[in-house]
Amino acid sequence: MVNTYRSTSFTAWMALAFFALTSAGACAQTVTPATAPLDDAASRAWRQDLRFMADELPKRHKNLYHDMTPEQFERAVRTLDARIPTLSRNQVIVEMA
């Protein structure tokens, strides 16, 4: 007597293994929008956001300069501003956090 449950289960596992093996290479090479380099429009938008944040933080943060001087803050802003075109969306978010 043939056990159809075992046969069906084996077929499902084989199909799953085939799918995993054939799609692993495609997934590894996929560039998602979050990890892709920024285009010019996105770079401009992030730079505007950075400038807004740099202008507003000194006005709104209770103790912005407790770990750095105003000069260090501006230097960090300038450095990030220059790097934004080379970063991905995720990297910009992490750098601005």
PDB file of N, CA and C in Angstrom:
ATOM      1  N   MET A   1       0.837  -1.159   0.000  1.00  0.00           N
ATOM      2  CA  MET A   1       0.000   0.000   0.000  1.00  0.00           C
ATOM      3  C   MET A   1       0.897   1.242   0.000  1.00  0.00           C
ATOM      4  N   VAL A   2       0.604   2.208  -0.835  1.00  0.00           N
ATOM      5  CA  VAL A   2       1.388   3.425  -0.976  1.00  0.00           C
ATOM      6  C   VAL A   2       0.832   4.473  -0.020  1.00  0.00           C
ATOM      7  N   ASN A   3       1.733   5.068   0.720  1.00  0.00           N
ATOM      8  CA  ASN A   3       1.335   6.118   1.643  1.00  0.00           C
ATOM      9  C   ASN A   3       1.307   7.428   0.860  1.00  0.00           C
ATOM     10  N   THR A   4       0.120   7.926   0.531  1.00  0.00           N
ATOM     11  CA  THR A   4       0.004   9.134  -0.285  1.00  0.00           C
ATOM     12  C   THR A   4       0.435  10.369   0.492  1.00  0.00           C
ATOM     13  N   TYR A   5       0.280  10.375   1.815  1.00  0.00           N
ATOM     14  CA  TYR A   5       0.717  11.526   2.616  1.00  0.00           C
ATOM     15  C   TYR A   5       2.222  11.697   2.520  1.00  0.00           C
ATOM     16  N   ARG A   6       2.952  10.573   2.675  1.00  0.00           N
ATOM     17  CA  ARG A   6       4.408  10.632   2.588  1.00  0.00           C
ATOM     18  C   ARG A   6       4.834  11.038   1.185  1.00  0.00           C
ATOM     19  N   SER A   7       4.191  10.537   0.179  1.00  0.00           N
ATOM     20  CA  SER A   7       4.509  10.865  -1.198  1.00  0.00           C
ATOM     21  C   SER A   7       4.255  12.356  -1.468  1.00  0.00           C
ATOM     22  N   THR A   8       3.138  12.870  -0.996  1.00  0.00           N
ATOM     23  CA  THR A   8       2.809  14.273  -1.186  1.00  0.00           C
ATOM     24  C   THR A   8       3.783  15.159  -0.410  1.00  0.00           C
ATOM     25  N   SER A   9       4.119  14.747   0.790  1.00  0.00           N
ATOM     26  CA  SER A   9       5.042  15.511   1.602  1.00  0.00           C
ATOM     27  C   SER A   9       6.419  15.557   0.945  1.00  0.00           C
ATOM     28  N   PHE A  10       6.883  14.439   0.445  1.00  0.00           N
ATOM     29  CA  PHE A  10       8.170  14.384  -0.232  1.00  0.00           C
ATOM     30  C   PHE A  10       8.163  15.277  -1.468  1.00  0.00           C
ATOM     31  N   THR A  11       7.121  15.264  -2.223  1.00  0.00           N
ATOM     32  CA  THR A  11       7.014  16.101  -3.417  1.00  0.00           C
ATOM     33  C   THR A  11       7.036  17.577  -3.043  1.00  0.00           C
ATOM     34  N   ALA A  12       6.339  17.923  -1.973  1.00  0.00           N
ATOM     35  CA  ALA A  12       6.319  19.315  -1.526  1.00  0.00           C
ATOM     36  C   ALA A  12       7.719  19.763  -1.086  1.00  0.00           C
ATOM     37  N   TRP A  13       8.421  18.894  -0.357  1.00  0.00           N
ATOM     38  CA  TRP A  13       9.771  19.242   0.079  1.00  0.00           C
ATOM     39  C   TRP A  13      10.714  19.383  -1.103  1.00  0.00           C
ATOM     40  N   MET A  14      10.576  18.518  -2.083  1.00  0.00           N
ATOM     41  CA  MET A  14      11.427  18.603  -3.273  1.00  0.00           C
ATOM     42  C   MET A  14      11.146  19.896  -4.040  1.00  0.00           C
ATOM     43  N   ALA A  15       9.887  20.257  -4.142  1.00  0.00           N
ATOM     44  CA  ALA A  15       9.537  21.498  -4.838  1.00  0.00           C
ATOM     45  C   ALA A  15      10.092  22.700  -4.077  1.00  0.00           C
ATOM     46  N   LEU A  16       9.983  22.681  -2.765  1.00  0.00           N
ATOM     47  CA  LEU A  16      10.502  23.755  -1.940  1.00  0.00           C
ATOM     48  C   LEU A  16      12.020  23.859  -2.072  1.00  0.00           C
ATOM     49  N   ALA A  17      12.704  22.738  -2.047  1.00  0.00           N
ATOM     50  CA  ALA A  17      14.158  22.731  -2.183  1.00  0.00           C
ATOM     51  C   ALA A  17      14.571  23.262  -3.557  1.00  0.00           C
ATOM     52  N   PHE A  18      13.867  22.847  -4.591  1.00  0.00           N
ATOM     53  CA  PHE A  18      14.160  23.332  -5.938  1.00  0.00           C
ATOM     54  C   PHE A  18      13.977  24.848  -6.008  1.00  0.00           C
ATOM     55  N   PHE A  19      12.876  25.341  -5.468  1.00  0.00           N
ATOM     56  CA  PHE A  19      12.607  26.774  -5.474  1.00  0.00           C
ATOM     57  C   PHE A  19      13.694  27.532  -4.717  1.00  0.00           C
ATOM     58  N   ALA A  20      14.072  27.030  -3.557  1.00  0.00           N
ATOM     59  CA  ALA A  20      15.088  27.707  -2.748  1.00  0.00           C
ATOM     60  C   ALA A  20      16.429  27.742  -3.473  1.00  0.00           C
ATOM     61  N   LEU A  21      16.801  26.656  -4.096  1.00  0.00           N
ATOM     62  CA  LEU A  21      18.087  26.611  -4.782  1.00  0.00           C
ATOM     63  C   LEU A  21      18.111  27.479  -6.036  1.00  0.00           C
ATOM     64  N   THR A  22      17.025  27.510  -6.762  1.00  0.00           N
ATOM     65  CA  THR A  22      17.014  28.288  -7.996  1.00  0.00           C
ATOM     66  C   THR A  22      16.812  29.772  -7.750  1.00  0.00           C
ATOM     67  N   SER A  23      16.167  30.138  -6.655  1.00  0.00           N
ATOM     68  CA  SER A  23      15.916  31.557  -6.418  1.00  0.00           C
ATOM     69  C   SER A  23      16.993  32.200  -5.555  1.00  0.00           C
ATOM     70  N   ALA A  24      17.842  31.444  -4.925  1.00  0.00           N
ATOM     71  CA  ALA A  24      18.869  32.013  -4.048  1.00  0.00           C
ATOM     72  C   ALA A  24      19.810  32.922  -4.821  1.00  0.00           C
ATOM     73  N   GLY A  25      20.212  32.517  -5.992  1.00  0.00           N
ATOM     74  CA  GLY A  25      21.100  33.345  -6.797  1.00  0.00           C
ATOM     75  C   GLY A  25      20.439  34.627  -7.242  1.00  0.00           C
ATOM     76  N   ALA A  26      19.180  34.558  -7.603  1.00  0.00           N
ATOM     77  CA  ALA A  26      18.463  35.760  -8.031  1.00  0.00           C
ATOM     78  C   ALA A  26      18.282  36.726  -6.873  1.00  0.00           C
ATOM     79  N   CYS A  27      17.997  36.211  -5.701  1.00  0.00           N
ATOM     80  CA  CYS A  27      17.812  37.083  -4.534  1.00  0.00           C
ATOM     81  C   CYS A  27      19.111  37.748  -4.131  1.00  0.00           C
ATOM     82  N   ALA A  28      20.200  37.036  -4.246  1.00  0.00           N
ATOM     83  CA  ALA A  28      21.485  37.592  -3.842  1.00  0.00           C
ATOM     84  C   ALA A  28      21.902  38.741  -4.756  1.00  0.00           C
ATOM     85  N   GLN A  29      21.442  38.733  -5.999  1.00  0.00           N
ATOM     86  CA  GLN A  29      21.835  39.750  -6.953  1.00  0.00           C
ATOM     87  C   GLN A  29      20.820  40.880  -7.056  1.00  0.00           C
ATOM     88  N   THR A  30      19.705  40.774  -6.374  1.00  0.00           N
ATOM     89  CA  THR A  30      18.668  41.778  -6.463  1.00  0.00           C
ATOM     90  C   THR A  30      19.070  43.021  -5.690  1.00  0.00           C
ATOM     91  N   VAL A  31      18.928  44.167  -6.328  1.00  0.00           N
ATOM     92  CA  VAL A  31      19.181  45.436  -5.657  1.00  0.00           C
ATOM     93  C   VAL A  31      17.823  46.045  -5.349  1.00  0.00           C
ATOM     94  N   THR A  32      17.552  46.237  -4.091  1.00  0.00           N
ATOM     95  CA  THR A  32      16.288  46.833  -3.705  1.00  0.00           C
ATOM     96  C   THR A  32      16.438  48.345  -3.689  1.00  0.00           C
ATOM     97  N   PRO A  33      15.340  49.066  -3.771  1.00  0.00           N
ATOM     98  CA  PRO A  33      15.439  50.522  -3.738  1.00  0.00           C
ATOM     99  C   PRO A  33      16.135  51.046  -2.482  1.00  0.00           C
ATOM    100  N   ALA A  34      16.001  50.355  -1.377  1.00  0.00           N
ATOM    101  CA  ALA A  34      16.609  50.819  -0.132  1.00  0.00           C
ATOM    102  C   ALA A  34      18.129  50.669  -0.139  1.00  0.00           C
ATOM    103  N   THR A  35      18.655  49.733  -0.935  1.00  0.00           N
ATOM    104  CA  THR A  35      20.102  49.509  -0.955  1.00  0.00           C
ATOM    105  C   THR A  35      20.759  50.009  -2.236  1.00  0.00           C
ATOM    106  N   ALA A  36      19.969  50.480  -3.174  1.00  0.00           N
ATOM    107  CA  ALA A  36      20.519  50.994  -4.429  1.00  0.00           C
ATOM    108  C   ALA A  36      21.103  52.388  -4.217  1.00  0.00           C
ATOM    109  N   PRO A  37      22.101  52.740  -4.987  1.00  0.00           N
ATOM    110  CA  PRO A  37      22.623  54.106  -4.892  1.00  0.00           C
ATOM    111  C   PRO A  37      21.524  55.118  -5.219  1.00  0.00           C
ATOM    112  N   LEU A  38      21.595  56.282  -4.603  1.00  0.00           N
ATOM    113  CA  LEU A  38      20.588  57.313  -4.816  1.00  0.00           C
ATOM    114  C   LEU A  38      20.746  57.954  -6.191  1.00  0.00           C
ATOM    115  N   ASP A  39      19.612  58.294  -6.806  1.00  0.00           N
ATOM    116  CA  ASP A  39      19.688  59.081  -8.030  1.00  0.00           C
ATOM    117  C   ASP A  39      19.807  60.556  -7.666  1.00  0.00           C
ATOM    118  N   ASP A  40      19.953  61.411  -8.659  1.00  0.00           N
ATOM    119  CA  ASP A  40      20.180  62.839  -8.398  1.00  0.00           C
ATOM    120  C   ASP A  40      19.030  63.491  -7.635  1.00  0.00           C
ATOM    121  N   ALA A  41      17.799  63.167  -8.004  1.00  0.00           N
ATOM    122  CA  ALA A  41      16.646  63.770  -7.328  1.00  0.00           C
ATOM    123  C   ALA A  41      16.580  63.345  -5.864  1.00  0.00           C
ATOM    124  N   ALA A  42      16.838  62.081  -5.603  1.00  0.00           N
ATOM    125  CA  ALA A  42      16.814  61.588  -4.220  1.00  0.00           C
ATOM    126  C   ALA A  42      17.951  62.209  -3.410  1.00  0.00           C
ATOM    127  N   SER A  43      19.120  62.360  -4.029  1.00  0.00           N
ATOM    128  CA  SER A  43      20.243  62.999  -3.337  1.00  0.00           C
ATOM    129  C   SER A  43      19.899  64.436  -2.960  1.00  0.00           C
ATOM    130  N   ARG A  44      19.295  65.174  -3.906  1.00  0.00           N
ATOM    131  CA  ARG A  44      18.895  66.555  -3.608  1.00  0.00           C
ATOM    132  C   ARG A  44      17.886  66.607  -2.477  1.00  0.00           C
ATOM    133  N   ALA A  45      16.919  65.690  -2.494  1.00  0.00           N
ATOM    134  CA  ALA A  45      15.892  65.664  -1.445  1.00  0.00           C
ATOM    135  C   ALA A  45      16.504  65.356  -0.080  1.00  0.00           C
ATOM    136  N   TRP A  46      17.399  64.374  -0.017  1.00  0.00           N
ATOM    137  CA  TRP A  46      18.047  64.046   1.259  1.00  0.00           C
ATOM    138  C   TRP A  46      18.919  65.202   1.739  1.00  0.00           C
ATOM    139  N   ARG A  47      19.582  65.886   0.823  1.00  0.00           N
ATOM    140  CA  ARG A  47      20.418  67.022   1.217  1.00  0.00           C
ATOM    141  C   ARG A  47      19.559  68.162   1.765  1.00  0.00           C
ATOM    142  N   GLN A  48      18.395  68.356   1.170  1.00  0.00           N
ATOM    143  CA  GLN A  48      17.473  69.370   1.705  1.00  0.00           C
ATOM    144  C   GLN A  48      16.997  68.974   3.100  1.00  0.00           C
ATOM    145  N   ASP A  49      16.677  67.701   3.272  1.00  0.00           N
ATOM    146  CA  ASP A  49      16.262  67.220   4.597  1.00  0.00           C
ATOM    147  C   ASP A  49      17.369  67.410   5.625  1.00  0.00           C
ATOM    148  N   LEU A  50      18.596  67.110   5.228  1.00  0.00           N
ATOM    149  CA  LEU A  50      19.731  67.282   6.135  1.00  0.00           C
ATOM    150  C   LEU A  50      19.896  68.750   6.508  1.00  0.00           C
ATOM    151  N   ARG A  51      19.802  69.637   5.534  1.00  0.00           N
ATOM    152  CA  ARG A  51      19.948  71.064   5.818  1.00  0.00           C
ATOM    153  C   ARG A  51      18.835  71.537   6.746  1.00  0.00           C
ATOM    154  N   PHE A  52      17.607  71.078   6.511  1.00  0.00           N
ATOM    155  CA  PHE A  52      16.496  71.442   7.394  1.00  0.00           C
ATOM    156  C   PHE A  52      16.775  70.961   8.822  1.00  0.00           C
ATOM    157  N   MET A  53      17.204  69.717   8.949  1.00  0.00           N
ATOM    158  CA  MET A  53      17.504  69.171  10.267  1.00  0.00           C
ATOM    159  C   MET A  53      18.635  69.962  10.939  1.00  0.00           C
ATOM    160  N   ALA A  54      19.674  70.294  10.177  1.00  0.00           N
ATOM    161  CA  ALA A  54      20.804  71.029  10.737  1.00  0.00           C
ATOM    162  C   ALA A  54      20.400  72.444  11.159  1.00  0.00           C
ATOM    163  N   ASP A  55      19.456  73.040  10.449  1.00  0.00           N
ATOM    164  CA  ASP A  55      18.978  74.376  10.819  1.00  0.00           C
ATOM    165  C   ASP A  55      18.037  74.335  12.023  1.00  0.00           C
ATOM    166  N   GLU A  56      17.222  73.299  12.113  1.00  0.00           N
ATOM    167  CA  GLU A  56      16.191  73.232  13.154  1.00  0.00           C
ATOM    168  C   GLU A  56      16.681  72.641  14.476  1.00  0.00           C
ATOM    169  N   LEU A  57      17.601  71.702  14.419  1.00  0.00           N
ATOM    170  CA  LEU A  57      18.049  71.072  15.667  1.00  0.00           C
ATOM    171  C   LEU A  57      18.585  72.068  16.692  1.00  0.00           C
ATOM    172  N   PRO A  58      19.422  73.017  16.293  1.00  0.00           N
ATOM    173  CA  PRO A  58      19.895  73.973  17.305  1.00  0.00           C
ATOM    174  C   PRO A  58      18.761  74.785  17.935  1.00  0.00           C
ATOM    175  N   LYS A  59      17.692  75.015  17.204  1.00  0.00           N
ATOM    176  CA  LYS A  59      16.561  75.786  17.724  1.00  0.00           C
ATOM    177  C   LYS A  59      15.686  74.962  18.654  1.00  0.00           C
ATOM    178  N   ARG A  60      15.590  73.663  18.389  1.00  0.00           N
ATOM    179  CA  ARG A  60      14.607  72.831  19.069  1.00  0.00           C
ATOM    180  C   ARG A  60      15.173  71.866  20.105  1.00  0.00           C
ATOM    181  N   HIS A  61      16.418  71.481  19.941  1.00  0.00           N
ATOM    182  CA  HIS A  61      17.009  70.499  20.857  1.00  0.00           C
ATOM    183  C   HIS A  61      17.436  71.189  22.140  1.00  0.00           C
ATOM    184  N   LYS A  62      17.077  70.603  23.249  1.00  0.00           N
ATOM    185  CA  LYS A  62      17.355  71.209  24.549  1.00  0.00           C
ATOM    186  C   LYS A  62      18.854  71.329  24.831  1.00  0.00           C
ATOM    187  N   ASN A  63      19.612  70.315  24.421  1.00  0.00           N
ATOM    188  CA  ASN A  63      21.038  70.301  24.750  1.00  0.00           C
ATOM    189  C   ASN A  63      21.822  69.649  23.604  1.00  0.00           C
ATOM    190  N   LEU A  64      21.713  70.231  22.437  1.00  0.00           N
ATOM    191  CA  LEU A  64      22.312  69.645  21.234  1.00  0.00           C
ATOM    192  C   LEU A  64      23.827  69.501  21.330  1.00  0.00           C
ATOM    193  N   TYR A  65      24.478  70.434  21.983  1.00  0.00           N
ATOM    194  CA  TYR A  65      25.937  70.449  21.986  1.00  0.00           C
ATOM    195  C   TYR A  65      26.544  69.857  23.254  1.00  0.00           C
ATOM    196  N   HIS A  66      25.862  68.895  23.866  1.00  0.00           N
ATOM    197  CA  HIS A  66      26.422  68.291  25.075  1.00  0.00           C
ATOM    198  C   HIS A  66      27.578  67.348  24.773  1.00  0.00           C
ATOM    199  N   ASP A  67      27.626  66.784  23.565  1.00  0.00           N
ATOM    200  CA  ASP A  67      28.712  65.861  23.190  1.00  0.00           C
ATOM    201  C   ASP A  67      29.636  66.419  22.118  1.00  0.00           C
ATOM    202  N   MET A  68      29.264  67.540  21.527  1.00  0.00           N
ATOM    203  CA  MET A  68      30.082  68.121  20.458  1.00  0.00           C
ATOM    204  C   MET A  68      29.894  69.631  20.442  1.00  0.00           C
ATOM    205  N   THR A  69      30.865  70.281  19.861  1.00  0.00           N
ATOM    206  CA  THR A  69      30.785  71.735  19.742  1.00  0.00           C
ATOM    207  C   THR A  69      29.942  72.088  18.512  1.00  0.00           C
ATOM    208  N   PRO A  70      29.492  73.329  18.409  1.00  0.00           N
ATOM    209  CA  PRO A  70      28.775  73.731  17.191  1.00  0.00           C
ATOM    210  C   PRO A  70      29.621  73.540  15.930  1.00  0.00           C
ATOM    211  N   GLU A  71      30.913  73.739  16.033  1.00  0.00           N
ATOM    212  CA  GLU A  71      31.802  73.549  14.878  1.00  0.00           C
ATOM    213  C   GLU A  71      31.866  72.072  14.471  1.00  0.00           C
ATOM    214  N   GLN A  72      31.935  71.177  15.450  1.00  0.00           N
ATOM    215  CA  GLN A  72      31.942  69.743  15.151  1.00  0.00           C
ATOM    216  C   GLN A  72      30.619  69.322  14.513  1.00  0.00           C
ATOM    217  N   PHE A  73      29.530  69.876  15.004  1.00  0.00           N
ATOM    218  CA  PHE A  73      28.222  69.572  14.436  1.00  0.00           C
ATOM    219  C   PHE A  73      28.171  70.000  12.966  1.00  0.00           C
ATOM    220  N   GLU A  74      28.585  71.224  12.680  1.00  0.00           N
ATOM    221  CA  GLU A  74      28.578  71.710  11.297  1.00  0.00           C
ATOM    222  C   GLU A  74      29.509  70.897  10.410  1.00  0.00           C
ATOM    223  N   ARG A  75      30.655  70.503  10.934  1.00  0.00           N
ATOM    224  CA  ARG A  75      31.584  69.673  10.164  1.00  0.00           C
ATOM    225  C   ARG A  75      30.948  68.323   9.845  1.00  0.00           C
ATOM    226  N   ALA A  76      30.268  67.728  10.810  1.00  0.00           N
ATOM    227  CA  ALA A  76      29.586  66.447  10.575  1.00  0.00           C
ATOM    228  C   ALA A  76      28.486  66.605   9.525  1.00  0.00           C
ATOM    229  N   VAL A  77      27.760  67.726   9.578  1.00  0.00           N
ATOM    230  CA  VAL A  77      26.714  67.987   8.585  1.00  0.00           C
ATOM    231  C   VAL A  77      27.332  68.138   7.196  1.00  0.00           C
ATOM    232  N   ARG A  78      28.403  68.904   7.091  1.00  0.00           N
ATOM    233  CA  ARG A  78      29.067  69.085   5.789  1.00  0.00           C
ATOM    234  C   ARG A  78      29.596  67.765   5.245  1.00  0.00           C
ATOM    235  N   THR A  79      30.183  66.946   6.115  1.00  0.00           N
ATOM    236  CA  THR A  79      30.723  65.650   5.692  1.00  0.00           C
ATOM    237  C   THR A  79      29.616  64.747   5.170  1.00  0.00           C
ATOM    238  N   LEU A  80      28.520  64.676   5.911  1.00  0.00           N
ATOM    239  CA  LEU A  80      27.402  63.845   5.449  1.00  0.00           C
ATOM    240  C   LEU A  80      26.812  64.404   4.160  1.00  0.00           C
ATOM    241  N   ASP A  81      26.673  65.711   4.070  1.00  0.00           N
ATOM    242  CA  ASP A  81      26.140  66.328   2.857  1.00  0.00           C
ATOM    243  C   ASP A  81      26.965  65.930   1.630  1.00  0.00           C
ATOM    244  N   ALA A  82      28.263  65.916   1.781  1.00  0.00           N
ATOM    245  CA  ALA A  82      29.139  65.535   0.669  1.00  0.00           C
ATOM    246  C   ALA A  82      29.029  64.049   0.336  1.00  0.00           C
ATOM    247  N   ARG A  83      28.740  63.220   1.329  1.00  0.00           N
ATOM    248  CA  ARG A  83      28.673  61.766   1.125  1.00  0.00           C
ATOM    249  C   ARG A  83      27.331  61.282   0.608  1.00  0.00           C
ATOM    250  N   ILE A  84      26.277  62.057   0.779  1.00  0.00           N
ATOM    251  CA  ILE A  84      24.933  61.588   0.430  1.00  0.00           C
ATOM    252  C   ILE A  84      24.832  61.023  -0.986  1.00  0.00           C
ATOM    253  N   PRO A  85      25.392  61.658  -2.017  1.00  0.00           N
ATOM    254  CA  PRO A  85      25.259  61.079  -3.364  1.00  0.00           C
ATOM    255  C   PRO A  85      25.868  59.688  -3.528  1.00  0.00           C
ATOM    256  N   THR A  86      26.768  59.299  -2.636  1.00  0.00           N
ATOM    257  CA  THR A  86      27.417  57.991  -2.749  1.00  0.00           C
ATOM    258  C   THR A  86      26.750  56.925  -1.889  1.00  0.00           C
ATOM    259  N   LEU A  87      25.765  57.320  -1.086  1.00  0.00           N
ATOM    260  CA  LEU A  87      25.129  56.397  -0.152  1.00  0.00           C
ATOM    261  C   LEU A  87      23.815  55.863  -0.691  1.00  0.00           C
ATOM    262  N   SER A  88      23.369  54.761  -0.108  1.00  0.00           N
ATOM    263  CA  SER A  88      22.032  54.241  -0.392  1.00  0.00           C
ATOM    264  C   SER A  88      21.041  54.890   0.562  1.00  0.00           C
ATOM    265  N   ARG A  89      19.774  54.696   0.307  1.00  0.00           N
ATOM    266  CA  ARG A  89      18.730  55.246   1.169  1.00  0.00           C
ATOM    267  C   ARG A  89      18.913  54.787   2.614  1.00  0.00           C
ATOM    268  N   ASN A  90      19.141  53.484   2.798  1.00  0.00           N
ATOM    269  CA  ASN A  90      19.327  52.943   4.154  1.00  0.00           C
ATOM    270  C   ASN A  90      20.521  53.583   4.846  1.00  0.00           C
ATOM    271  N   GLN A  91      21.601  53.775   4.120  1.00  0.00           N
ATOM    272  CA  GLN A  91      22.790  54.363   4.712  1.00  0.00           C
ATOM    273  C   GLN A  91      22.554  55.808   5.133  1.00  0.00           C
ATOM    274  N   VAL A  92      21.811  56.567   4.321  1.00  0.00           N
ATOM    275  CA  VAL A  92      21.500  57.947   4.689  1.00  0.00           C
ATOM    276  C   VAL A  92      20.660  57.982   5.962  1.00  0.00           C
ATOM    277  N   ILE A  93      19.678  57.104   6.036  1.00  0.00           N
ATOM    278  CA  ILE A  93      18.819  57.059   7.223  1.00  0.00           C
ATOM    279  C   ILE A  93      19.640  56.771   8.467  1.00  0.00           C
ATOM    280  N   VAL A  94      20.534  55.803   8.383  1.00  0.00           N
ATOM    281  CA  VAL A  94      21.376  55.461   9.534  1.00  0.00           C
ATOM    282  C   VAL A  94      22.286  56.623   9.895  1.00  0.00           C
ATOM    283  N   GLU A  95      22.876  57.262   8.912  1.00  0.00           N
ATOM    284  CA  GLU A  95      23.779  58.388   9.173  1.00  0.00           C
ATOM    285  C   GLU A  95      23.049  59.567   9.804  1.00  0.00           C
ATOM    286  N   MET A  96      21.802  59.776   9.445  1.00  0.00           N
ATOM    287  CA  MET A  96      21.057  60.905   9.992  1.00  0.00           C
ATOM    288  C   MET A  96      20.438  60.604  11.356  1.00  0.00           C
ATOM    289  N   ALA A  97      20.404  59.350  11.728  1.00  0.00           N
ATOM    290  CA  ALA A  97      19.773  58.978  13.000  1.00  0.00           C
ATOM    291  C   ALA A  97      20.631  59.335  14.186  1.00  0.00           C
TER     292      ALA A  97
END
